[in-house]
Amino acid sequence: MGEGERFQLGTVGALTLSVVSSVSIVICNKALMSSLHFIFATTLTSWHLLVTFCSLHVALKMRFFEHKPFEQKAVMGFGVLNGISIGLLNLSLGFNSVGFYQMTKLAIIPCTVLLETLFLGKRFSKRIQFALSILLLGVGIATVTDLQLNALGSFLSFLAVITTCVAQIMTNTIQKKFKVSSTQLLYQSCPYQAATLLIFGPYLDKLLTNQNVFGFKYTTQVTVFIILSCLISISVNFSTFLVIGKTSPVTYQVLGHLKTCLVLAFGYILLQDPFSWRNILGIMIAMMGMILYSYYCTLENQQKTIEASSQASQAREGESDPLVNVENGSAVVSDTIGQRQMSPVWSKSND
């Protein structure tokens, strides 16, 4: 098996792990919050991150991965920003209607595309933009209902979108810039994310729920579901960094909307949640957008691979030809390597 095939297989595995773990934790948390009335989402997330860090520390001691320190300021800033983005998303949900919150989540993809275009010089073809538009239309039809606006809620949603986009872009760029794996980045940033949410989580939850997380009655059933949620979160957090590192922030967001559609379908089929033809239509349109996105990314990757191979062949021919300037050949090879590294593909092309 070649290196390219191994990379493709690893990417598919990361995407599958992300979908399965995310859908599982949504189901677990839905039971925890709806049935058992444990509604402290931000504090629960801080526990998720704390358990994730502890599990990674054990894995490090058992030498499952190698610790690779890098710029401390970058790690700290990244970790705190991630924690803030989670808190702002929860605040957005608390101060807005569910419909407007869904619109906030939909806004993350176009905002990410805009930021990567303006500040990273990344280009998205019209075919990719068309596929993303179909996807967002479908998810909007399936999930967005009431749209009640208010000044504070809108401002919080704006901040949530910006911080989430920047944090996910940083996840991808930091891994490439410092040549660290998703596990190494998650291990080093987890303490800062957990600390941020552990400090502000209880106050934020009290603001949103008017209840104290420390005054909640923890029955055996609630405790079991909290532990189960924390264990599943290890896989969720790991797969999130893995997917963004192997693909892109935009692809991760596309995957996130796939999870939304799967959760809706699961709720209708197994839990008999209310469902309408509008939900079905929206999910079908969204799935069509995801298929088109995957197809166009794969197609563009194949085209770039062919172009890179052609340029590499020309460079080798130039090196073997004594009449060809050596410096020109070196420039071609360097450019070819750069294009390979920047290929926006499904296997390396999102939340």
Protein backbone atom coordinates (compact mmCIF):
# COMPACT_ATOMS: atom_id res chain seq x y z
CA MET A 1 0.00 0.00 0.00
CA GLY A 2 1.45 3.37 -1.08
CA GLU A 3 1.73 6.48 1.05
CA GLY A 4 -1.19 8.14 -0.76
CA GLU A 5 -3.45 5.13 -0.16
CA ARG A 6 -2.50 5.01 3.52
CA PHE A 7 -3.30 8.73 3.82
CA GLN A 8 -6.68 8.18 2.14
CA LEU A 9 -7.45 5.27 4.46
CA GLY A 10 -6.42 7.27 7.52
CA THR A 11 -8.64 10.18 6.45
CA VAL A 12 -11.65 7.92 5.91
CA GLY A 13 -11.03 6.39 9.34
CA ALA A 14 -10.84 9.86 10.94
CA LEU A 15 -14.08 10.96 9.27
CA THR A 16 -15.86 7.76 10.33
CA LEU A 17 -14.62 8.05 13.91
CA SER A 18 -15.76 11.66 14.05
CA VAL A 19 -19.27 10.87 12.81
CA VAL A 20 -19.80 7.82 15.03
CA SER A 21 -18.43 9.44 18.20
CA SER A 22 -20.27 12.75 17.66
CA VAL A 23 -23.64 11.10 17.00
CA SER A 24 -23.09 8.85 20.05
CA ILE A 25 -22.32 11.75 22.37
CA VAL A 26 -25.32 13.73 21.11
CA ILE A 27 -27.58 10.79 21.93
CA CYS A 28 -25.96 10.38 25.36
CA ASN A 29 -26.17 14.10 26.18
CA LYS A 30 -29.76 14.26 24.95
CA ALA A 31 -30.69 11.57 27.47
CA LEU A 32 -28.66 13.32 30.16
CA MET A 33 -30.20 16.76 29.60
CA SER A 34 -33.74 15.95 28.44
CA SER A 35 -34.55 12.88 30.52
CA LEU A 36 -32.33 13.37 33.58
CA HIS A 37 -32.49 17.21 33.54
CA PHE A 38 -28.72 17.78 33.84
CA ILE A 39 -28.65 20.98 31.75
CA PHE A 40 -25.17 22.34 32.53
CA ALA A 41 -23.64 22.10 29.06
CA THR A 42 -20.58 24.31 29.50
CA THR A 43 -19.48 22.67 32.75
CA LEU A 44 -20.01 19.25 31.18
CA THR A 45 -17.76 20.28 28.29
CA SER A 46 -15.02 21.30 30.74
CA TRP A 47 -15.20 17.83 32.27
CA HIS A 48 -14.96 16.33 28.79
CA LEU A 49 -11.73 18.21 28.16
CA LEU A 50 -10.30 17.36 31.56
CA VAL A 51 -10.95 13.64 31.06
CA THR A 52 -9.51 13.86 27.54
CA PHE A 53 -6.29 15.41 28.88
CA CYS A 54 -5.97 12.77 31.62
CA SER A 55 -6.46 9.94 29.12
CA LEU A 56 -3.88 11.45 26.76
CA HIS A 57 -1.43 11.84 29.64
CA VAL A 58 -1.80 8.13 30.40
CA ALA A 59 -1.33 7.35 26.71
CA LEU A 60 1.85 9.47 26.72
CA LYS A 61 3.24 7.60 29.71
CA MET A 62 2.49 4.32 27.90
CA ARG A 63 4.36 5.73 24.87
CA PHE A 64 1.44 5.60 22.46
CA PHE A 65 2.59 8.98 21.12
CA GLU A 66 5.59 11.27 21.55
CA HIS A 67 5.42 14.61 23.33
CA LYS A 68 6.60 17.40 21.03
CA PRO A 69 6.71 20.82 22.71
CA PHE A 70 6.46 23.90 20.52
CA GLU A 71 5.76 27.63 20.91
CA GLN A 72 4.00 28.02 24.28
CA LYS A 73 2.26 31.28 23.40
CA ALA A 74 0.65 29.67 20.35
CA VAL A 75 -0.57 26.71 22.41
CA MET A 76 -1.96 28.91 25.19
CA GLY A 77 -3.68 31.32 22.81
CA PHE A 78 -5.15 28.48 20.81
CA GLY A 79 -6.41 26.64 23.90
CA VAL A 80 -8.01 29.70 25.48
CA LEU A 81 -9.61 30.70 22.15
CA ASN A 82 -11.13 27.24 21.80
CA GLY A 83 -12.57 27.45 25.30
CA ILE A 84 -14.01 30.91 24.62
CA SER A 85 -15.61 29.78 21.35
CA ILE A 86 -17.39 26.90 23.13
CA GLY A 87 -18.69 29.26 25.79
CA LEU A 88 -19.89 31.78 23.20
CA LEU A 89 -21.73 29.08 21.24
CA ASN A 90 -23.56 28.07 24.43
CA LEU A 91 -24.36 31.72 25.17
CA SER A 92 -25.64 32.14 21.63
CA LEU A 93 -28.02 29.24 22.13
CA GLY A 94 -29.12 30.65 25.50
CA PHE A 95 -29.89 34.16 24.23
CA ASN A 96 -31.34 33.23 20.83
CA SER A 97 -34.09 31.07 19.47
CA VAL A 98 -33.14 27.58 18.28
CA GLY A 99 -33.73 28.66 14.67
CA PHE A 100 -31.34 31.60 14.95
CA TYR A 101 -28.76 29.38 16.64
CA GLN A 102 -28.96 26.99 13.67
CA MET A 103 -28.39 29.96 11.36
CA THR A 104 -25.33 30.81 13.45
CA LYS A 105 -23.92 27.33 12.86
CA LEU A 106 -24.66 27.60 9.13
CA ALA A 107 -22.73 30.89 9.00
CA ILE A 108 -19.51 29.18 10.10
CA ILE A 109 -18.80 27.67 6.65
CA PRO A 110 -19.05 30.88 4.56
CA CYS A 111 -17.17 32.77 7.28
CA THR A 112 -14.36 30.18 7.23
CA VAL A 113 -14.19 30.34 3.43
CA LEU A 114 -13.98 34.15 3.59
CA LEU A 115 -11.25 34.18 6.26
CA GLU A 116 -9.13 31.56 4.48
CA THR A 117 -9.49 33.45 1.20
CA LEU A 118 -8.59 36.85 2.67
CA PHE A 119 -5.82 35.90 5.09
CA LEU A 120 -4.42 32.57 3.85
CA GLY A 121 -4.76 33.12 0.11
CA LYS A 122 -6.76 29.91 -0.31
CA ARG A 123 -8.98 29.60 -3.36
CA PHE A 124 -12.28 27.74 -3.55
CA SER A 125 -13.49 26.86 -7.05
CA LYS A 126 -17.00 27.74 -8.21
CA ARG A 127 -17.89 24.04 -8.13
CA ILE A 128 -16.92 23.78 -4.47
CA GLN A 129 -18.83 26.97 -3.67
CA PHE A 130 -21.89 25.60 -5.49
CA ALA A 131 -21.74 22.33 -3.52
CA LEU A 132 -21.42 24.20 -0.23
CA SER A 133 -24.41 26.38 -1.15
CA ILE A 134 -26.54 23.28 -1.81
CA LEU A 135 -25.43 21.81 1.51
CA LEU A 136 -26.25 24.96 3.49
CA LEU A 137 -29.63 25.27 1.75
CA GLY A 138 -30.54 21.71 2.70
CA VAL A 139 -29.44 22.01 6.32
CA GLY A 140 -31.28 25.32 6.57
CA ILE A 141 -34.51 23.77 5.29
CA ALA A 142 -34.15 20.80 7.65
CA THR A 143 -33.23 22.63 10.85
CA VAL A 144 -34.09 26.33 10.77
CA THR A 145 -37.58 27.15 12.03
CA ASP A 146 -38.26 30.33 13.99
CA LEU A 147 -35.93 33.30 13.60
CA GLN A 148 -36.26 35.64 16.58
CA LEU A 149 -33.62 38.38 16.62
CA ASN A 150 -32.33 40.48 19.50
CA ALA A 151 -29.31 42.76 19.75
CA LEU A 152 -27.42 40.88 22.49
CA GLY A 153 -28.10 37.45 20.98
CA SER A 154 -26.99 38.61 17.53
CA PHE A 155 -23.76 40.08 18.92
CA LEU A 156 -22.98 36.89 20.84
CA SER A 157 -23.66 34.81 17.71
CA PHE A 158 -21.31 37.02 15.68
CA LEU A 159 -18.54 36.55 18.26
CA ALA A 160 -19.24 32.79 18.40
CA VAL A 161 -18.92 32.44 14.61
CA ILE A 162 -15.67 34.44 14.42
CA THR A 163 -13.95 32.67 17.33
CA THR A 164 -15.05 29.22 16.11
CA CYS A 165 -13.78 29.88 12.58
CA VAL A 166 -10.44 31.24 13.78
CA ALA A 167 -9.97 28.36 16.26
CA GLN A 168 -10.66 25.72 13.60
CA ILE A 169 -8.38 27.42 11.07
CA MET A 170 -5.66 27.55 13.73
CA THR A 171 -6.11 23.82 14.38
CA ASN A 172 -5.14 23.14 10.79
CA THR A 173 -2.39 25.76 10.40
CA ILE A 174 -0.65 25.01 13.73
CA GLN A 175 -0.37 21.30 12.91
CA LYS A 176 1.23 22.11 9.57
CA LYS A 177 3.42 25.00 10.76
CA PHE A 178 4.95 23.22 13.76
CA LYS A 179 4.70 19.72 12.24
CA VAL A 180 2.80 18.28 15.20
CA SER A 181 0.18 15.55 15.08
CA SER A 182 -3.44 16.05 16.12
CA THR A 183 -2.75 14.06 19.31
CA GLN A 184 0.25 16.21 20.23
CA LEU A 185 -1.69 19.44 19.67
CA LEU A 186 -4.74 18.20 21.59
CA TYR A 187 -2.57 17.06 24.52
CA GLN A 188 -0.85 20.43 24.86
CA SER A 189 -3.93 22.62 24.33
CA CYS A 190 -6.40 20.59 26.42
CA PRO A 191 -5.32 22.01 29.82
CA TYR A 192 -5.92 25.59 28.64
CA GLN A 193 -9.31 24.73 27.11
CA ALA A 194 -10.36 22.83 30.23
CA ALA A 195 -9.14 25.56 32.59
CA THR A 196 -11.01 28.26 30.66
CA LEU A 197 -14.29 26.34 30.84
CA LEU A 198 -13.77 25.08 34.41
CA ILE A 199 -13.41 28.70 35.58
CA PHE A 200 -16.26 30.26 33.62
CA GLY A 201 -18.49 27.20 33.03
CA PRO A 202 -20.41 27.15 36.34
CA TYR A 203 -21.09 30.92 36.16
CA LEU A 204 -22.15 30.65 32.53
CA ASP A 205 -24.48 27.74 33.24
CA LYS A 206 -26.04 29.55 36.19
CA LEU A 207 -26.64 32.58 33.97
CA LEU A 208 -28.34 30.44 31.33
CA THR A 209 -30.26 28.00 33.55
CA ASN A 210 -30.67 29.91 36.82
CA GLN A 211 -29.45 26.73 38.58
CA ASN A 212 -26.23 25.83 40.37
CA VAL A 213 -24.30 22.86 38.96
CA PHE A 214 -22.87 22.12 42.42
CA GLY A 215 -26.35 22.06 43.95
CA PHE A 216 -27.67 19.49 41.49
CA LYS A 217 -28.74 16.11 42.90
CA TYR A 218 -26.35 13.56 41.36
CA THR A 219 -28.13 10.22 41.28
CA THR A 220 -26.39 7.02 40.24
CA GLN A 221 -28.05 7.18 36.82
CA VAL A 222 -26.94 10.78 36.23
CA THR A 223 -23.38 9.95 37.30
CA VAL A 224 -23.24 6.94 34.95
CA PHE A 225 -24.38 9.04 31.98
CA ILE A 226 -21.89 11.81 32.83
CA ILE A 227 -19.05 9.27 32.93
CA LEU A 228 -20.24 7.74 29.66
CA SER A 229 -20.42 11.19 28.04
CA CYS A 230 -16.87 12.01 29.23
CA LEU A 231 -15.52 8.71 27.85
CA ILE A 232 -17.15 9.27 24.45
CA SER A 233 -15.79 12.84 24.44
CA ILE A 234 -12.23 11.46 24.30
CA SER A 235 -12.98 10.09 20.86
CA VAL A 236 -14.90 13.23 19.84
CA ASN A 237 -12.07 15.62 20.76
CA PHE A 238 -9.39 13.41 19.24
CA SER A 239 -11.29 12.91 15.97
CA THR A 240 -12.03 16.65 15.70
CA PHE A 241 -8.32 17.56 15.69
CA LEU A 242 -7.56 14.57 13.48
CA VAL A 243 -10.14 15.50 10.82
CA ILE A 244 -9.18 19.19 10.70
CA GLY A 245 -5.49 18.29 10.54
CA LYS A 246 -5.96 15.79 7.71
CA THR A 247 -8.54 17.79 5.74
CA SER A 248 -9.55 21.40 6.43
CA PRO A 249 -11.83 23.51 8.65
CA VAL A 250 -14.42 23.70 5.84
CA THR A 251 -14.51 19.91 5.43
CA TYR A 252 -14.92 19.54 9.18
CA GLN A 253 -17.94 21.86 9.10
CA VAL A 254 -19.41 19.88 6.19
CA LEU A 255 -18.97 16.76 8.30
CA GLY A 256 -20.65 18.54 11.20
CA HIS A 257 -23.78 19.13 9.13
CA LEU A 258 -23.77 15.47 8.12
CA LYS A 259 -23.85 14.63 11.83
CA THR A 260 -26.81 16.98 12.26
CA CYS A 261 -28.73 15.19 9.52
CA LEU A 262 -27.88 11.79 11.01
CA VAL A 263 -29.01 12.88 14.47
CA LEU A 264 -32.32 14.14 13.04
CA ALA A 265 -32.85 10.89 11.16
CA PHE A 266 -31.91 8.80 14.19
CA GLY A 267 -34.31 10.74 16.40
CA TYR A 268 -37.15 10.19 13.95
CA ILE A 269 -36.52 6.48 13.33
CA LEU A 270 -35.62 5.26 16.83
CA LEU A 271 -36.91 7.91 19.22
CA GLN A 272 -40.05 8.90 17.31
CA ASP A 273 -39.16 12.59 17.43
CA PRO A 274 -41.50 14.95 15.52
CA PHE A 275 -40.60 14.97 11.84
CA SER A 276 -42.04 16.56 8.73
CA TRP A 277 -41.63 16.40 4.97
CA ARG A 278 -39.65 19.64 5.27
CA ASN A 279 -37.06 17.82 7.42
CA ILE A 280 -36.86 14.97 4.91
CA LEU A 281 -36.52 17.35 1.96
CA GLY A 282 -33.82 19.36 3.74
CA ILE A 283 -31.81 16.26 4.63
CA MET A 284 -32.00 14.99 1.03
CA ILE A 285 -30.79 18.34 -0.36
CA ALA A 286 -28.02 18.50 2.26
CA MET A 287 -26.87 14.98 1.40
CA MET A 288 -26.78 15.96 -2.27
CA GLY A 289 -24.56 18.93 -1.38
CA MET A 290 -22.22 16.70 0.64
CA ILE A 291 -21.93 14.21 -2.23
CA LEU A 292 -21.16 17.02 -4.69
CA TYR A 293 -18.59 18.51 -2.29
CA SER A 294 -16.86 15.15 -1.93
CA TYR A 295 -16.94 14.50 -5.68
CA TYR A 296 -15.60 17.93 -6.68
CA CYS A 297 -12.83 17.82 -4.06
CA THR A 298 -11.75 14.38 -5.27
CA LEU A 299 -11.87 15.53 -8.90
CA GLU A 300 -9.78 18.62 -8.20
CA ASN A 301 -7.29 16.55 -6.24
CA GLN A 302 -6.84 14.17 -9.16
CA GLN A 303 -6.31 17.10 -11.53
CA LYS A 304 -3.70 18.68 -9.25
CA THR A 305 -1.94 15.32 -8.82
CA ILE A 306 -1.73 14.90 -12.62
CA GLU A 307 -0.41 18.46 -13.03
CA ALA A 308 2.14 17.93 -10.25
CA SER A 309 3.31 14.64 -11.80
CA SER A 310 3.61 16.30 -15.20
CA GLN A 311 5.69 19.17 -13.81
CA ALA A 312 7.88 16.74 -11.87
CA SER A 313 8.49 14.75 -15.06
CA GLN A 314 9.39 17.90 -16.95
CA ALA A 315 11.76 18.88 -14.14
CA ARG A 316 13.50 15.48 -14.27
CA GLU A 317 13.80 15.74 -18.05
CA GLY A 318 15.22 19.23 -17.64
CA GLU A 319 17.83 17.98 -15.19
CA SER A 320 18.89 15.24 -17.58
CA ASP A 321 19.13 17.69 -20.50
CA PRO A 322 22.50 19.52 -20.37
CA LEU A 323 21.03 22.47 -22.30
CA VAL A 324 18.41 23.19 -19.64
CA ASN A 325 19.28 25.69 -16.94
CA VAL A 326 19.63 23.85 -13.59
CA GLU A 327 18.17 26.73 -11.58
CA ASN A 328 14.96 26.70 -13.65
CA GLY A 329 14.60 22.96 -13.00
CA SER A 330 15.02 23.46 -9.27
CA ALA A 331 12.37 26.14 -9.27
CA VAL A 332 9.92 23.81 -11.00
CA VAL A 333 10.54 21.03 -8.48
CA SER A 334 10.12 23.43 -5.55
CA ASP A 335 6.86 24.76 -6.99
CA THR A 336 5.60 21.23 -7.53
CA ILE A 337 6.23 20.28 -3.90
CA GLY A 338 4.43 23.44 -2.77
CA GLN A 339 1.41 22.61 -4.88
CA ARG A 340 1.29 19.10 -3.47
CA GLN A 341 1.27 20.45 0.06
CA MET A 342 -1.53 22.92 -0.65
CA SER A 343 -3.92 20.55 -2.51
CA PRO A 344 -7.47 21.15 -1.18
CA VAL A 345 -8.96 17.65 -1.46
CA TRP A 346 -11.61 15.60 0.33
CA SER A 347 -8.84 13.60 1.87
CA LYS A 348 -6.97 16.77 2.59
CA SER A 349 -9.37 19.55 1.68
CA ASN A 350 -13.90 22.05 7.20
CA ASP A 351 -16.92 21.63 11.07
